[in-house]
Protein backbone atom coordinates (compact mmCIF):
# COMPACT_ATOMS: atom_id res chain seq x y z
CA UNK A 1 0.00 0.00 0.00
CA UNK A 2 1.19 3.54 -0.74
CA UNK A 3 0.18 6.48 1.43
CA UNK A 4 0.48 10.05 0.15
CA UNK A 5 -0.44 13.42 1.58
CA UNK A 6 -4.12 14.02 0.99
CA UNK A 7 -5.20 10.46 1.72
CA UNK A 8 -5.34 11.05 5.46
CA UNK A 9 -5.67 14.00 7.78
CA UNK A 10 -3.20 12.50 10.25
CA UNK A 11 -0.32 14.89 10.93
CA UNK A 12 2.28 12.11 10.82
CA UNK A 13 1.45 11.31 7.16
CA UNK A 14 3.60 14.28 6.13
CA UNK A 15 6.71 12.23 6.85
CA UNK A 16 5.74 9.74 4.12
CA UNK A 17 6.63 11.98 1.15
CA UNK A 18 9.73 13.62 -0.22
CA UNK A 19 8.77 16.71 -2.22
CA UNK A 20 10.99 18.74 -4.54
CA UNK A 21 10.12 22.00 -6.31
CA UNK A 22 12.32 23.04 -9.24
CA UNK A 23 12.47 24.46 -12.76
CA UNK A 24 12.43 21.98 -15.64
CA UNK A 25 15.42 21.23 -17.88
CA UNK A 26 15.27 21.33 -21.67
CA UNK A 27 15.08 17.53 -21.72
CA UNK A 28 12.21 17.45 -19.21
CA UNK A 29 10.27 20.04 -21.21
CA UNK A 30 10.70 17.97 -24.38
CA UNK A 31 9.53 14.86 -22.52
CA UNK A 32 6.59 16.25 -20.53
CA UNK A 33 5.55 19.20 -22.73
CA UNK A 34 6.32 17.88 -26.22
CA UNK A 35 4.38 20.45 -28.26
CA UNK A 36 4.84 24.19 -28.46
CA UNK A 37 1.16 24.60 -27.58
CA UNK A 38 1.65 22.68 -24.32
CA UNK A 39 4.52 25.01 -23.36
CA UNK A 40 2.54 28.25 -23.59
CA UNK A 41 2.03 29.87 -20.21
CA UNK A 42 -0.42 32.48 -18.99
CA UNK A 43 0.78 34.76 -16.20
CA UNK A 44 -1.00 35.15 -12.93
CA UNK A 45 -2.18 38.63 -11.89
CA UNK A 46 0.51 38.54 -9.18
CA UNK A 47 3.28 37.82 -11.72
CA UNK A 48 2.03 40.64 -13.94
CA UNK A 49 2.03 43.02 -10.94
CA UNK A 50 5.67 42.06 -10.36
CA UNK A 51 6.66 42.93 -13.94
CA UNK A 52 6.46 39.67 -15.87
CA UNK A 53 6.33 40.28 -19.62
CA UNK A 54 3.04 39.36 -21.29
CA UNK A 55 2.70 39.23 -25.10
CA UNK A 56 -0.25 41.52 -25.90
CA UNK A 57 -1.49 39.54 -28.90
CA UNK A 58 -1.68 36.20 -27.08
CA UNK A 59 -1.58 36.90 -23.35
CA UNK A 60 1.26 34.38 -22.93
CA UNK A 61 4.60 34.96 -21.23
CA UNK A 62 8.07 33.49 -21.65
CA UNK A 63 9.49 31.36 -18.84
CA UNK A 64 12.81 30.10 -17.54
CA UNK A 65 14.31 26.64 -17.55
CA UNK A 66 17.19 25.58 -15.34
CA UNK A 67 19.33 24.51 -18.32
CA UNK A 68 22.35 26.78 -18.89
CA UNK A 69 22.42 28.79 -22.11
CA UNK A 70 25.41 29.48 -24.31
CA UNK A 71 27.59 30.81 -21.48
CA UNK A 72 27.59 31.45 -17.75
CA UNK A 73 25.29 34.48 -17.94
CA UNK A 74 22.54 32.91 -20.06
CA UNK A 75 19.83 30.36 -19.24
CA UNK A 76 17.51 28.57 -21.66
CA UNK A 77 13.90 29.73 -21.74
CA UNK A 78 10.60 29.07 -23.51
CA UNK A 79 9.31 31.81 -25.83
CA UNK A 80 5.76 33.02 -25.20
CA UNK A 81 4.60 30.96 -28.21
CA UNK A 82 6.21 27.75 -26.86
CA UNK A 83 9.51 27.40 -28.73
CA UNK A 84 12.65 26.56 -26.75
CA UNK A 85 15.41 29.19 -27.00
CA UNK A 86 18.63 27.20 -26.56
CA UNK A 87 20.80 30.34 -26.76
CA UNK A 88 19.06 31.65 -23.67
CA UNK A 89 18.59 35.06 -22.15
CA UNK A 90 20.74 36.81 -19.58
CA UNK A 91 19.96 35.48 -16.14
CA UNK A 92 19.62 39.06 -14.90
CA UNK A 93 16.51 39.54 -17.07
CA UNK A 94 13.73 40.17 -14.58
CA UNK A 95 10.69 39.99 -16.86
CA UNK A 96 10.58 36.22 -17.47
CA UNK A 97 8.18 33.96 -15.66
CA UNK A 98 8.69 30.63 -13.95
CA UNK A 99 6.67 27.43 -14.11
CA UNK A 100 7.73 25.48 -11.05
CA UNK A 101 7.52 21.72 -11.28
CA UNK A 102 7.08 19.31 -8.40
CA UNK A 103 7.77 15.62 -7.93
CA UNK A 104 5.91 13.92 -5.11
CA UNK A 105 7.43 10.61 -4.07
CA UNK A 106 5.37 8.31 -1.91
CA UNK A 107 6.90 5.57 0.15
CA UNK A 108 5.32 2.18 0.42
CA UNK A 109 3.86 1.24 3.83
CA UNK A 110 5.29 -1.96 5.25
């Protein structure tokens, strides 16, 4: 049997998962979001209030990956229309969004 958070209200169930929050790599994007359409991201009102760029025509934003770009000051990102930019943008660019990913591992009960 596998027990995950959400299956029980018992406080000690929290110790049965190992959670990680991170940005995807280029390879993970290609695996889990294989089409450009699946990579398009709408910004939240909060992100917009913090200065995230939004393409007027579509309402989509570009977002960061954790894969390095062409040098130490660039990181790969996804264009607002879903294409991967392998060259990357300067990591000091403050108008890109993020799409955090999460893995939830559940341990088997013995």
